[in-house]
Amino acid sequence: MYTKLTFRPIKLETIVVMRGDKVAGTIKRYRAHGGCIVRVPGVMAPTSHPGRCFFPTVAKAKAVLLGLDAE
């Protein structure tokens, strides 16, 4: 059975990406760099998608993740 990705903030700078009740990855916001880095193995990670895991906002990162997961 396929479950959609959901998001749960745990701190101001970190959002946990969940699939059902299991952790799928994280979105971490870095204020000094002015953006977010996405790490969700199997969907998008810095090692498998170099240069494509950095987003200016958390909302943009979520939208791209949901789009990739729907494919």
N, C-alpha and C. Protein backbone atom coordinates (compact mmCIF):
# COMPACT_ATOMS: atom_id res chain seq x y z
N MET A 1 0.84 -1.18 0.00
CA MET A 1 0.00 0.00 0.00
C MET A 1 0.88 1.24 0.00
N TYR A 2 0.52 2.22 -0.80
CA TYR A 2 1.28 3.45 -0.95
C TYR A 2 0.72 4.52 -0.04
N THR A 3 1.59 5.15 0.75
CA THR A 3 1.17 6.27 1.59
C THR A 3 1.88 7.53 1.15
N LYS A 4 1.19 8.65 1.24
CA LYS A 4 1.75 9.93 0.81
C LYS A 4 2.72 10.46 1.85
N LEU A 5 3.56 11.38 1.42
CA LEU A 5 4.48 12.04 2.33
C LEU A 5 3.73 13.09 3.15
N THR A 6 4.08 13.19 4.43
CA THR A 6 3.55 14.23 5.30
C THR A 6 4.74 14.91 5.97
N PHE A 7 4.50 16.07 6.56
CA PHE A 7 5.57 16.87 7.14
C PHE A 7 5.25 17.21 8.58
N ARG A 8 6.26 17.08 9.46
CA ARG A 8 6.10 17.42 10.88
C ARG A 8 7.29 18.25 11.34
N PRO A 9 7.04 19.49 11.73
CA PRO A 9 8.15 20.30 12.26
C PRO A 9 8.55 19.81 13.65
N ILE A 10 9.86 19.65 13.89
CA ILE A 10 10.30 19.27 15.22
C ILE A 10 11.03 20.40 15.91
N LYS A 11 11.66 21.26 15.14
CA LYS A 11 12.31 22.46 15.66
C LYS A 11 12.10 23.56 14.64
N LEU A 12 12.53 24.73 14.96
CA LEU A 12 12.37 25.85 14.05
C LEU A 12 13.10 25.62 12.73
N GLU A 13 14.20 24.92 12.78
CA GLU A 13 15.05 24.75 11.60
C GLU A 13 14.92 23.39 10.92
N THR A 14 14.16 22.45 11.48
CA THR A 14 14.09 21.10 10.93
C THR A 14 12.65 20.65 10.76
N ILE A 15 12.37 20.04 9.60
CA ILE A 15 11.07 19.46 9.32
C ILE A 15 11.31 17.99 8.98
N VAL A 16 10.61 17.10 9.65
CA VAL A 16 10.74 15.68 9.40
C VAL A 16 9.72 15.28 8.34
N VAL A 17 10.18 14.55 7.33
CA VAL A 17 9.31 14.05 6.28
C VAL A 17 8.92 12.63 6.66
N MET A 18 7.61 12.39 6.74
CA MET A 18 7.10 11.09 7.18
C MET A 18 6.39 10.38 6.02
N ARG A 19 6.48 9.06 6.02
CA ARG A 19 5.68 8.24 5.13
C ARG A 19 4.92 7.29 6.05
N GLY A 20 3.63 7.56 6.23
CA GLY A 20 2.86 6.83 7.23
C GLY A 20 3.34 7.24 8.61
N ASP A 21 3.80 6.28 9.42
CA ASP A 21 4.36 6.63 10.72
C ASP A 21 5.85 6.34 10.79
N LYS A 22 6.52 6.28 9.63
CA LYS A 22 7.97 6.09 9.59
C LYS A 22 8.64 7.33 9.02
N VAL A 23 9.81 7.63 9.54
CA VAL A 23 10.58 8.78 9.06
C VAL A 23 11.17 8.45 7.69
N ALA A 24 10.91 9.32 6.71
CA ALA A 24 11.45 9.13 5.37
C ALA A 24 12.67 10.01 5.12
N GLY A 25 12.78 11.14 5.82
CA GLY A 25 13.90 12.05 5.62
C GLY A 25 13.69 13.37 6.33
N THR A 26 14.47 14.38 5.94
CA THR A 26 14.38 15.69 6.59
C THR A 26 14.49 16.82 5.58
N ILE A 27 13.97 17.96 6.00
CA ILE A 27 14.22 19.24 5.32
C ILE A 27 14.84 20.12 6.39
N LYS A 28 16.05 20.58 6.15
CA LYS A 28 16.72 21.44 7.13
C LYS A 28 16.91 22.82 6.54
N ARG A 29 16.54 23.82 7.34
CA ARG A 29 16.69 25.21 6.90
C ARG A 29 17.98 25.77 7.49
N TYR A 30 18.76 26.40 6.64
CA TYR A 30 20.02 27.02 7.05
C TYR A 30 19.91 28.52 6.80
N ARG A 31 19.77 29.28 7.87
CA ARG A 31 19.61 30.74 7.74
C ARG A 31 20.84 31.40 7.13
N ALA A 32 22.01 30.93 7.51
CA ALA A 32 23.25 31.53 7.00
C ALA A 32 23.37 31.40 5.49
N HIS A 33 22.83 30.32 4.93
CA HIS A 33 22.91 30.09 3.49
C HIS A 33 21.66 30.56 2.75
N GLY A 34 20.64 30.93 3.49
CA GLY A 34 19.42 31.46 2.88
C GLY A 34 18.61 30.42 2.13
N GLY A 35 18.52 29.21 2.66
CA GLY A 35 17.73 28.19 1.98
C GLY A 35 17.61 26.91 2.77
N CYS A 36 17.09 25.88 2.10
CA CYS A 36 16.83 24.58 2.73
C CYS A 36 17.50 23.47 1.93
N ILE A 37 17.91 22.43 2.63
CA ILE A 37 18.47 21.24 1.99
C ILE A 37 17.55 20.07 2.30
N VAL A 38 17.18 19.33 1.25
CA VAL A 38 16.26 18.20 1.36
C VAL A 38 17.05 16.91 1.34
N ARG A 39 16.73 16.01 2.29
CA ARG A 39 17.32 14.66 2.32
C ARG A 39 16.22 13.65 2.54
N VAL A 40 15.74 13.06 1.47
CA VAL A 40 14.74 11.99 1.54
C VAL A 40 15.25 10.87 0.63
N PRO A 41 15.97 9.89 1.18
CA PRO A 41 16.51 8.82 0.35
C PRO A 41 15.42 8.11 -0.45
N GLY A 42 15.71 7.86 -1.71
CA GLY A 42 14.75 7.23 -2.60
C GLY A 42 13.95 8.24 -3.40
N VAL A 43 13.80 9.45 -2.89
CA VAL A 43 13.06 10.48 -3.61
C VAL A 43 14.02 11.59 -4.04
N MET A 44 14.74 12.16 -3.08
CA MET A 44 15.71 13.21 -3.37
C MET A 44 16.72 13.28 -2.23
N ALA A 45 17.99 13.18 -2.60
CA ALA A 45 19.07 13.28 -1.62
C ALA A 45 20.26 13.95 -2.30
N PRO A 46 21.11 14.64 -1.53
CA PRO A 46 22.26 15.33 -2.12
C PRO A 46 23.20 14.40 -2.88
N THR A 47 23.29 13.15 -2.49
CA THR A 47 24.20 12.23 -3.20
C THR A 47 23.63 11.78 -4.54
N SER A 48 22.31 11.59 -4.63
CA SER A 48 21.71 11.13 -5.88
C SER A 48 21.28 12.28 -6.80
N HIS A 49 21.06 13.46 -6.26
CA HIS A 49 20.66 14.64 -7.03
C HIS A 49 21.56 15.83 -6.67
N PRO A 50 22.84 15.77 -6.96
CA PRO A 50 23.73 16.88 -6.56
C PRO A 50 23.31 18.20 -7.22
N GLY A 51 23.25 19.24 -6.40
CA GLY A 51 22.90 20.56 -6.91
C GLY A 51 21.41 20.80 -7.04
N ARG A 52 20.57 19.77 -6.88
CA ARG A 52 19.12 19.94 -7.02
C ARG A 52 18.39 19.81 -5.70
N CYS A 53 19.09 19.75 -4.58
CA CYS A 53 18.46 19.56 -3.27
C CYS A 53 18.40 20.83 -2.45
N PHE A 54 18.81 21.96 -3.01
CA PHE A 54 18.81 23.23 -2.28
C PHE A 54 17.66 24.08 -2.80
N PHE A 55 16.82 24.57 -1.88
CA PHE A 55 15.66 25.39 -2.24
C PHE A 55 15.64 26.65 -1.39
N PRO A 56 15.12 27.76 -1.93
CA PRO A 56 15.12 29.01 -1.17
C PRO A 56 14.15 29.02 0.02
N THR A 57 13.05 28.28 -0.07
CA THR A 57 12.07 28.25 1.02
C THR A 57 11.63 26.82 1.32
N VAL A 58 11.09 26.63 2.50
CA VAL A 58 10.56 25.31 2.89
C VAL A 58 9.34 24.97 2.03
N ALA A 59 8.51 25.95 1.73
CA ALA A 59 7.32 25.69 0.91
C ALA A 59 7.69 25.18 -0.47
N LYS A 60 8.72 25.75 -1.08
CA LYS A 60 9.18 25.29 -2.39
C LYS A 60 9.73 23.87 -2.30
N ALA A 61 10.46 23.57 -1.25
CA ALA A 61 11.01 22.23 -1.05
C ALA A 61 9.90 21.21 -0.90
N LYS A 62 8.86 21.55 -0.13
CA LYS A 62 7.73 20.65 0.05
C LYS A 62 7.01 20.39 -1.27
N ALA A 63 6.80 21.44 -2.05
CA ALA A 63 6.09 21.31 -3.32
C ALA A 63 6.86 20.39 -4.29
N VAL A 64 8.16 20.57 -4.38
CA VAL A 64 8.97 19.74 -5.27
C VAL A 64 8.98 18.29 -4.79
N LEU A 65 9.10 18.08 -3.48
CA LEU A 65 9.08 16.72 -2.92
C LEU A 65 7.77 16.02 -3.22
N LEU A 66 6.67 16.69 -3.00
CA LEU A 66 5.36 16.09 -3.28
C LEU A 66 5.19 15.78 -4.76
N GLY A 67 5.71 16.66 -5.61
CA GLY A 67 5.65 16.42 -7.05
C GLY A 67 6.47 15.21 -7.47
N LEU A 68 7.68 15.09 -6.94
CA LEU A 68 8.52 13.93 -7.26
C LEU A 68 7.95 12.64 -6.71
N ASP A 69 7.35 12.70 -5.55
CA ASP A 69 6.79 11.50 -4.93
C ASP A 69 5.56 11.02 -5.69
N ALA A 70 4.82 11.92 -6.33
CA ALA A 70 3.61 11.54 -7.06
C ALA A 70 3.94 10.80 -8.36
N GLU A 71 5.15 11.00 -8.88
CA GLU A 71 5.55 10.35 -10.14
C GLU A 71 5.73 8.88 -10.00
